[in-house]
PDB file of N, CA and C in Angstrom:
ATOM      1  N   UNK A   1      10.362  -8.754 -11.578  1.00  0.00           N
ATOM      2  CA  UNK A   1      11.146  -8.171 -11.440  1.00  0.00           C
ATOM      3  C   UNK A   1      12.193  -7.777 -12.160  1.00  0.00           C
ATOM      4  N   UNK A   2      13.331  -7.755 -11.900  1.00  0.00           N
ATOM      5  CA  UNK A   2      14.819  -7.536 -12.500  1.00  0.00           C
ATOM      6  C   UNK A   2      16.134  -7.876 -11.170  1.00  0.00           C
ATOM      7  N   UNK A   3      15.850  -9.131 -10.323  1.00  0.00           N
ATOM      8  CA  UNK A   3      16.372  -9.111  -9.088  1.00  0.00           C
ATOM      9  C   UNK A   3      18.307  -8.770  -8.972  1.00  0.00           C
ATOM     10  N   UNK A   4      18.423  -8.798 -10.565  1.00  0.00           N
ATOM     11  CA  UNK A   4      19.888  -8.152 -11.160  1.00  0.00           C
ATOM     12  C   UNK A   4      20.204  -6.901 -10.375  1.00  0.00           C
ATOM     13  N   UNK A   5      18.557  -6.233 -10.629  1.00  0.00           N
ATOM     14  CA  UNK A   5      19.109  -3.623 -10.235  1.00  0.00           C
ATOM     15  C   UNK A   5      19.337  -4.744  -8.363  1.00  0.00           C
ATOM     16  N   UNK A   6      18.787  -5.392  -8.366  1.00  0.00           N
ATOM     17  CA  UNK A   6      19.087  -5.008  -6.800  1.00  0.00           C
ATOM     18  C   UNK A   6      19.990  -5.331  -6.059  1.00  0.00           C
ATOM     19  N   UNK A   7      20.529  -7.140  -6.704  1.00  0.00           N
ATOM     20  CA  UNK A   7      22.278  -6.664  -6.168  1.00  0.00           C
ATOM     21  C   UNK A   7      22.924  -5.597  -6.830  1.00  0.00           C
ATOM     22  N   UNK A   8      23.271  -5.254  -8.204  1.00  0.00           N
ATOM     23  CA  UNK A   8      23.385  -4.212  -8.563  1.00  0.00           C
ATOM     24  C   UNK A   8      23.624  -2.968  -7.447  1.00  0.00           C
ATOM     25  N   UNK A   9      22.069  -2.208  -6.500  1.00  0.00           N
ATOM     26  CA  UNK A   9      22.359  -1.519  -6.855  1.00  0.00           C
ATOM     27  C   UNK A   9      23.152  -1.258  -5.145  1.00  0.00           C
ATOM     28  N   UNK A  10      22.747  -2.643  -4.589  1.00  0.00           N
ATOM     29  CA  UNK A  10      23.351  -3.155  -3.144  1.00  0.00           C
ATOM     30  C   UNK A  10      24.907  -3.274  -3.350  1.00  0.00           C
ATOM     31  N   UNK A  11      25.234  -3.512  -4.563  1.00  0.00           N
ATOM     32  CA  UNK A  11      26.883  -3.741  -4.658  1.00  0.00           C
ATOM     33  C   UNK A  11      27.385  -2.515  -5.313  1.00  0.00           C
ATOM     34  N   UNK A  12      26.682  -1.584  -5.662  1.00  0.00           N
ATOM     35  CA  UNK A  12      27.278   0.195  -5.702  1.00  0.00           C
ATOM     36  C   UNK A  12      27.103   0.568  -3.604  1.00  0.00           C
ATOM     37  N   UNK A  13      26.180   0.482  -3.328  1.00  0.00           N
ATOM     38  CA  UNK A  13      25.810   0.796  -1.517  1.00  0.00           C
ATOM     39  C   UNK A  13      26.854   0.053  -1.119  1.00  0.00           C
ATOM     40  N   UNK A  14      27.386  -0.806  -1.086  1.00  0.00           N
ATOM     41  CA  UNK A  14      28.851  -1.742  -0.046  1.00  0.00           C
ATOM     42  C   UNK A  14      29.905  -0.719  -0.914  1.00  0.00           C
ATOM     43  N   UNK A  15      30.250  -1.167  -1.575  1.00  0.00           N
ATOM     44  CA  UNK A  15      31.852  -0.707  -2.356  1.00  0.00           C
ATOM     45  C   UNK A  15      31.744   1.190  -1.609  1.00  0.00           C
ATOM     46  N   UNK A  16      30.245   1.979  -2.110  1.00  0.00           N
ATOM     47  CA  UNK A  16      30.535   3.130  -1.899  1.00  0.00           C
ATOM     48  C   UNK A  16      30.658   3.356  -0.535  1.00  0.00           C
ATOM     49  N   UNK A  17      29.489   2.763   0.278  1.00  0.00           N
ATOM     50  CA  UNK A  17      29.647   2.819   2.182  1.00  0.00           C
ATOM     51  C   UNK A  17      31.785   2.532   2.445  1.00  0.00           C
ATOM     52  N   UNK A  18      32.258   1.353   1.765  1.00  0.00           N
ATOM     53  CA  UNK A  18      33.843   1.248   1.927  1.00  0.00           C
ATOM     54  C   UNK A  18      34.260   2.323   1.730  1.00  0.00           C
ATOM     55  N   UNK A  19      34.495   2.549   0.930  1.00  0.00           N
ATOM     56  CA  UNK A  19      35.438   3.946   0.337  1.00  0.00           C
ATOM     57  C   UNK A  19      35.170   4.674   1.102  1.00  0.00           C
ATOM     58  N   UNK A  20      33.311   5.344   1.497  1.00  0.00           N
ATOM     59  CA  UNK A  20      33.344   6.433   3.072  1.00  0.00           C
ATOM     60  C   UNK A  20      34.024   6.803   4.072  1.00  0.00           C
ATOM     61  N   UNK A  21      34.445   5.108   4.575  1.00  0.00           N
ATOM     62  CA  UNK A  21      34.141   5.029   6.025  1.00  0.00           C
ATOM     63  C   UNK A  21      36.118   4.852   5.654  1.00  0.00           C
ATOM     64  N   UNK A  22      36.593   4.328   4.565  1.00  0.00           N
ATOM     65  CA  UNK A  22      38.049   4.502   4.144  1.00  0.00           C
ATOM     66  C   UNK A  22      38.732   5.618   3.826  1.00  0.00           C
ATOM     67  N   UNK A  23      37.896   6.924   3.656  1.00  0.00           N
ATOM     68  CA  UNK A  23      38.636   8.063   3.219  1.00  0.00           C
ATOM     69  C   UNK A  23      37.989   9.189   4.252  1.00  0.00           C
ATOM     70  N   UNK A  24      36.610   8.985   4.976  1.00  0.00           N
ATOM     71  CA  UNK A  24      36.859   9.826   6.599  1.00  0.00           C
ATOM     72  C   UNK A  24      38.150   9.395   7.023  1.00  0.00           C
ATOM     73  N   UNK A  25      38.445   8.314   8.027  1.00  0.00           N
ATOM     74  CA  UNK A  25      39.042   7.393   8.968  1.00  0.00           C
ATOM     75  C   UNK A  25      40.157   8.335   8.087  1.00  0.00           C
ATOM     76  N   UNK A  26      40.393   8.654   7.045  1.00  0.00           N
ATOM     77  CA  UNK A  26      42.096   9.407   6.341  1.00  0.00           C
ATOM     78  C   UNK A  26      42.026  10.194   6.614  1.00  0.00           C
ATOM     79  N   UNK A  27      40.763  11.117   7.131  1.00  0.00           N
ATOM     80  CA  UNK A  27      40.606  13.028   7.091  1.00  0.00           C
ATOM     81  C   UNK A  27      40.412  13.265   5.464  1.00  0.00           C
ATOM     82  N   UNK A  28      39.894  12.754   4.620  1.00  0.00           N
ATOM     83  CA  UNK A  28      39.591  13.009   3.314  1.00  0.00           C
ATOM     84  C   UNK A  28      38.012  13.389   3.343  1.00  0.00           C
ATOM     85  N   UNK A  29      37.215  14.432   4.133  1.00  0.00           N
ATOM     86  CA  UNK A  29      36.012  14.111   4.176  1.00  0.00           C
ATOM     87  C   UNK A  29      35.429  14.395   2.793  1.00  0.00           C
ATOM     88  N   UNK A  30      36.308  15.452   2.450  1.00  0.00           N
ATOM     89  CA  UNK A  30      35.305  16.266   0.792  1.00  0.00           C
ATOM     90  C   UNK A  30      35.598  14.959  -0.213  1.00  0.00           C
ATOM     91  N   UNK A  31      36.673  13.480  -0.254  1.00  0.00           N
ATOM     92  CA  UNK A  31      36.946  13.123  -1.359  1.00  0.00           C
ATOM     93  C   UNK A  31      35.453  11.940  -0.939  1.00  0.00           C
ATOM     94  N   UNK A  32      35.101  11.978   0.513  1.00  0.00           N
ATOM     95  CA  UNK A  32      34.166  10.815   1.114  1.00  0.00           C
ATOM     96  C   UNK A  32      32.729  11.436   0.045  1.00  0.00           C
ATOM     97  N   UNK A  33      33.077  12.671   0.879  1.00  0.00           N
ATOM     98  CA  UNK A  33      31.299  13.290  -0.229  1.00  0.00           C
ATOM     99  C   UNK A  33      30.847  12.846  -1.224  1.00  0.00           C
ATOM    100  N   UNK A  34      32.981  13.078  -2.386  1.00  0.00           N
ATOM    101  CA  UNK A  34      32.113  13.119  -4.092  1.00  0.00           C
ATOM    102  C   UNK A  34      31.829  12.222  -4.037  1.00  0.00           C
ATOM    103  N   UNK A  35      32.346  10.914  -3.309  1.00  0.00           N
ATOM    104  CA  UNK A  35      32.257   9.180  -3.948  1.00  0.00           C
ATOM    105  C   UNK A  35      30.795   8.522  -3.296  1.00  0.00           C
ATOM    106  N   UNK A  36      30.365   9.695  -2.252  1.00  0.00           N
ATOM    107  CA  UNK A  36      29.166   9.365  -2.026  1.00  0.00           C
ATOM    108  C   UNK A  36      27.640   9.748  -2.816  1.00  0.00           C
ATOM    109  N   UNK A  37      28.613  11.332  -3.205  1.00  0.00           N
ATOM    110  CA  UNK A  37      27.741  11.803  -4.356  1.00  0.00           C
ATOM    111  C   UNK A  37      27.921  10.821  -5.664  1.00  0.00           C
ATOM    112  N   UNK A  38      28.924  10.676  -5.824  1.00  0.00           N
ATOM    113  CA  UNK A  38      28.791   9.774  -7.408  1.00  0.00           C
ATOM    114  C   UNK A  38      28.554   8.380  -7.121  1.00  0.00           C
ATOM    115  N   UNK A  39      28.522   7.729  -6.058  1.00  0.00           N
ATOM    116  CA  UNK A  39      27.338   6.634  -5.731  1.00  0.00           C
ATOM    117  C   UNK A  39      25.616   6.855  -6.251  1.00  0.00           C
ATOM    118  N   UNK A  40      25.564   8.027  -5.368  1.00  0.00           N
ATOM    119  CA  UNK A  40      24.073   8.570  -5.061  1.00  0.00           C
ATOM    120  C   UNK A  40      23.771   8.459  -6.836  1.00  0.00           C
ATOM    121  N   UNK A  41      25.016   9.459  -7.761  1.00  0.00           N
ATOM    122  CA  UNK A  41      24.106   9.847  -9.319  1.00  0.00           C
ATOM    123  C   UNK A  41      24.536   8.211 -10.071  1.00  0.00           C
ATOM    124  N   UNK A  42      24.996   6.919 -10.436  1.00  0.00           N
ATOM    125  CA  UNK A  42      25.117   6.048 -10.805  1.00  0.00           C
ATOM    126  C   UNK A  42      24.498   5.650  -9.931  1.00  0.00           C
ATOM    127  N   UNK A  43      23.127   5.452  -9.275  1.00  0.00           N
ATOM    128  CA  UNK A  43      22.092   4.602  -8.486  1.00  0.00           C
ATOM    129  C   UNK A  43      20.940   5.219  -9.356  1.00  0.00           C
ATOM    130  N   UNK A  44      20.454   6.712  -9.172  1.00  0.00           N
ATOM    131  CA  UNK A  44      19.649   7.425  -9.518  1.00  0.00           C
ATOM    132  C   UNK A  44      19.545   6.895 -11.213  1.00  0.00           C
ATOM    133  N   UNK A  45      20.638   6.763 -11.578  1.00  0.00           N
ATOM    134  CA  UNK A  45      20.661   6.944 -13.539  1.00  0.00           C
ATOM    135  C   UNK A  45      19.767   5.687 -13.568  1.00  0.00           C
ATOM    136  N   UNK A  46      20.812   4.650 -12.511  1.00  0.00           N
ATOM    137  CA  UNK A  46      19.851   3.108 -13.015  1.00  0.00           C
ATOM    138  C   UNK A  46      18.809   3.165 -12.299  1.00  0.00           C
ATOM    139  N   UNK A  47      18.052   3.981 -12.212  1.00  0.00           N
ATOM    140  CA  UNK A  47      16.658   3.439 -11.031  1.00  0.00           C
ATOM    141  C   UNK A  47      16.195   4.513 -12.899  1.00  0.00           C
ATOM    142  N   UNK A  48      16.470   5.654 -12.964  1.00  0.00           N
ATOM    143  CA  UNK A  48      16.050   5.967 -13.763  1.00  0.00           C
ATOM    144  C   UNK A  48      15.882   5.467 -15.177  1.00  0.00           C
ATOM    145  N   UNK A  49      16.551   4.460 -16.008  1.00  0.00           N
ATOM    146  CA  UNK A  49      16.603   3.713 -16.412  1.00  0.00           C
ATOM    147  C   UNK A  49      15.293   2.994 -16.851  1.00  0.00           C
ATOM    148  N   UNK A  50      15.038   2.502 -15.643  1.00  0.00           N
ATOM    149  CA  UNK A  50      14.165   1.423 -15.666  1.00  0.00           C
ATOM    150  C   UNK A  50      13.485   1.661 -15.499  1.00  0.00           C
ATOM    151  N   UNK A  51      13.016   3.110 -14.744  1.00  0.00           N
ATOM    152  CA  UNK A  51      11.007   3.824 -14.813  1.00  0.00           C
ATOM    153  C   UNK A  51      11.064   3.974 -16.380  1.00  0.00           C
ATOM    154  N   UNK A  52      12.124   4.850 -16.960  1.00  0.00           N
ATOM    155  CA  UNK A  52      11.880   4.829 -18.936  1.00  0.00           C
ATOM    156  C   UNK A  52      11.580   3.812 -19.487  1.00  0.00           C
ATOM    157  N   UNK A  53      11.682   2.807 -19.120  1.00  0.00           N
ATOM    158  CA  UNK A  53      11.576   1.307 -19.291  1.00  0.00           C
ATOM    159  C   UNK A  53       9.997   1.258 -19.330  1.00  0.00           C
ATOM    160  N   UNK A  54       9.932   1.899 -17.761  1.00  0.00           N
ATOM    161  CA  UNK A  54       8.511   1.571 -17.484  1.00  0.00           C
ATOM    162  C   UNK A  54       7.725   1.957 -18.479  1.00  0.00           C
ATOM    163  N   UNK A  55       7.690   2.946 -18.469  1.00  0.00           N
ATOM    164  CA  UNK A  55       6.717   4.263 -18.766  1.00  0.00           C
ATOM    165  C   UNK A  55       6.710   3.824 -20.408  1.00  0.00           C
ATOM    166  N   UNK A  56       7.841   3.483 -20.804  1.00  0.00           N
ATOM    167  CA  UNK A  56       7.407   3.240 -22.603  1.00  0.00           C
ATOM    168  C   UNK A  56       6.907   1.120 -22.561  1.00  0.00           C
ATOM    169  N   UNK A  57       6.884   0.799 -21.935  1.00  0.00           N
ATOM    170  CA  UNK A  57       6.040  -0.241 -21.327  1.00  0.00           C
ATOM    171  C   UNK A  57       4.439  -0.009 -21.242  1.00  0.00           C
ATOM    172  N   UNK A  58       3.883   1.061 -20.458  1.00  0.00           N
ATOM    173  CA  UNK A  58       2.742   1.285 -21.062  1.00  0.00           C
ATOM    174  C   UNK A  58       2.271   2.284 -21.608  1.00  0.00           C
ATOM    175  N   UNK A  59       3.337   2.667 -22.447  1.00  0.00           N
ATOM    176  CA  UNK A  59       2.836   3.957 -23.402  1.00  0.00           C
ATOM    177  C   UNK A  59       2.445   2.704 -24.671  1.00  0.00           C
ATOM    178  N   UNK A  60       3.357   1.319 -25.089  1.00  0.00           N
ATOM    179  CA  UNK A  60       2.820   0.839 -25.678  1.00  0.00           C
ATOM    180  C   UNK A  60       1.632  -0.224 -25.469  1.00  0.00           C
ATOM    181  N   UNK A  61       1.913  -1.008 -24.108  1.00  0.00           N
ATOM    182  CA  UNK A  61       0.364  -1.041 -23.942  1.00  0.00           C
ATOM    183  C   UNK A  61      -0.773  -0.447 -23.973  1.00  0.00           C
ATOM    184  N   UNK A  62      -0.435   0.997 -24.069  1.00  0.00           N
ATOM    185  CA  UNK A  62      -1.923   1.332 -24.151  1.00  0.00           C
ATOM    186  C   UNK A  62      -1.919   2.095 -25.293  1.00  0.00           C
ATOM    187  N   UNK A  63      -1.220   1.880 -26.341  1.00  0.00           N
ATOM    188  CA  UNK A  63      -1.053   2.766 -27.365  1.00  0.00           C
ATOM    189  C   UNK A  63      -0.845   3.260 -27.678  1.00  0.00           C
ATOM    190  N   UNK A  64      -0.127   4.567 -26.671  1.00  0.00           N
ATOM    191  CA  UNK A  64      -0.290   5.809 -26.670  1.00  0.00           C
ATOM    192  C   UNK A  64       0.946   6.674 -27.244  1.00  0.00           C
TER     193      UNK A  64
END
């Protein structure tokens, strides 16, 4: 498993957390929620891409 993926997910999480705190403290709860959703979508896209690569690997491994 590639450790870079874990670091990328952690970096996105830290960035979203900081942005969420800044926006919440300034009274912009809607933007904080949208930032959290955007971070979640980015991480899910990275994970879905890796899962797709895994399925392709299994498909070629078993010759399906």
